[in-house]
Amino acid sequence: MRRPATLLGKDIATHIAKQRQTEHPQRAAKALDDAVIAAYAAIEPDGEWSPSWAEVFVETSAGQPLPKGHELSSRRAEIEQLILGKLLRMNLERLEPT
């Protein structure tokens, strides 16, 4: 049985609207992660901050766990340790008397 074109059009529009609702926050979170890493790279040019690190935070934001057994889990843990180590070092350097 064929569906009327108007009903089909509504289904497509509803699908697109739902897709945008889920994609927009992910794009915004990715843009924020990219901006944060770029900001640290700008204030510490020799710190070897990599823009590619933001890729491991696309599915779930920083601070939110990946699902158990996710293929990015080990890479994400590695990057989180790199970031935390760099932030700790930067803070300790700020505390050193000049």
Protein backbone atom coordinates (compact mmCIF):
# COMPACT_ATOMS: atom_id res chain seq x y z
CA MET A 1 0.00 0.00 0.00
CA ARG A 2 1.38 3.39 -0.97
CA ARG A 3 1.47 6.12 1.58
CA PRO A 4 0.15 9.56 0.69
CA ALA A 5 2.92 11.98 -0.25
CA THR A 6 1.91 14.42 2.50
CA LEU A 7 2.28 11.75 5.18
CA LEU A 8 5.60 10.66 3.74
CA GLY A 9 6.76 14.29 3.72
CA LYS A 10 5.79 14.68 7.39
CA ASP A 11 7.72 11.52 8.26
CA ILE A 12 10.82 12.82 6.50
CA ALA A 13 10.51 16.23 8.16
CA THR A 14 10.07 14.58 11.58
CA HIS A 15 13.10 12.35 10.98
CA ILE A 16 15.25 15.33 9.95
CA ALA A 17 14.13 17.35 12.98
CA LYS A 18 14.92 14.49 15.37
CA GLN A 19 18.29 13.94 13.72
CA ARG A 20 19.16 17.63 14.08
CA GLN A 21 18.21 17.56 17.77
CA THR A 22 20.74 14.82 18.45
CA GLU A 23 23.46 16.00 16.07
CA HIS A 24 23.50 19.66 17.12
CA PRO A 25 24.61 19.02 20.74
CA GLN A 26 27.29 16.61 19.50
CA ARG A 27 28.64 19.20 17.05
CA ALA A 28 28.56 21.86 19.75
CA ALA A 29 30.39 19.61 22.22
CA LYS A 30 33.01 18.75 19.58
CA ALA A 31 33.50 22.43 18.78
CA LEU A 32 33.94 23.18 22.48
CA ASP A 33 36.46 20.35 22.95
CA ASP A 34 38.38 21.58 19.88
CA ALA A 35 38.37 25.15 21.24
CA VAL A 36 39.60 24.11 24.69
CA ILE A 37 42.51 22.11 23.28
CA ALA A 38 43.35 24.94 20.87
CA ALA A 39 43.33 27.43 23.76
CA TYR A 40 45.79 25.34 25.78
CA ALA A 41 47.96 24.92 22.68
CA ALA A 42 47.97 28.70 22.21
CA ILE A 43 49.09 29.45 25.77
CA GLU A 44 51.62 26.64 25.76
CA PRO A 45 52.97 26.40 22.20
CA ASP A 46 55.75 23.97 23.14
CA GLY A 47 53.36 21.69 25.03
CA GLU A 48 52.54 19.49 22.04
CA TRP A 49 48.76 19.78 22.45
CA SER A 50 47.16 17.83 19.61
CA PRO A 51 43.83 18.86 18.06
CA SER A 52 43.21 15.17 17.32
CA TRP A 53 42.74 14.52 21.04
CA ALA A 54 39.22 15.96 20.85
CA GLU A 55 38.17 13.01 18.68
CA VAL A 56 37.95 10.67 21.68
CA PHE A 57 35.36 12.92 23.32
CA VAL A 58 32.87 13.02 20.43
CA GLU A 59 30.54 10.24 21.57
CA THR A 60 30.53 11.32 25.21
CA SER A 61 31.96 14.55 26.49
CA ALA A 62 35.00 14.82 28.69
CA GLY A 63 34.15 13.63 32.17
CA GLN A 64 31.51 11.22 30.86
CA PRO A 65 32.47 7.56 30.54
CA LEU A 66 32.37 5.64 27.30
CA PRO A 67 30.27 2.47 27.25
CA LYS A 68 32.09 -0.54 28.68
CA GLY A 69 34.31 -2.23 26.09
CA HIS A 70 34.13 0.71 23.65
CA GLU A 71 36.85 0.63 20.99
CA LEU A 72 38.13 4.09 22.02
CA SER A 73 38.35 3.33 25.75
CA SER A 74 42.09 2.70 25.93
CA ARG A 75 42.96 5.61 23.60
CA ARG A 76 40.71 7.91 25.58
CA ALA A 77 42.28 6.86 28.88
CA GLU A 78 45.72 7.55 27.37
CA ILE A 79 44.69 11.02 26.16
CA GLU A 80 43.01 11.87 29.45
CA GLN A 81 46.25 11.02 31.28
CA LEU A 82 48.25 13.18 28.85
CA ILE A 83 45.88 16.12 29.35
CA LEU A 84 45.79 15.78 33.12
CA GLY A 85 49.57 15.50 33.26
CA LYS A 86 49.99 18.64 31.17
CA LEU A 87 47.46 20.57 33.25
CA LEU A 88 49.14 19.49 36.49
CA ARG A 89 52.57 20.49 35.16
CA MET A 90 51.25 23.88 34.03
CA ASN A 91 49.71 24.53 37.44
CA LEU A 92 52.87 23.49 39.28
CA GLU A 93 54.93 25.80 37.06
CA ARG A 94 52.62 28.70 37.93
CA LEU A 95 53.28 28.05 41.63
CA GLU A 96 57.06 28.16 41.25
CA PRO A 97 58.62 31.42 42.39
CA THR A 98 60.07 33.47 39.55
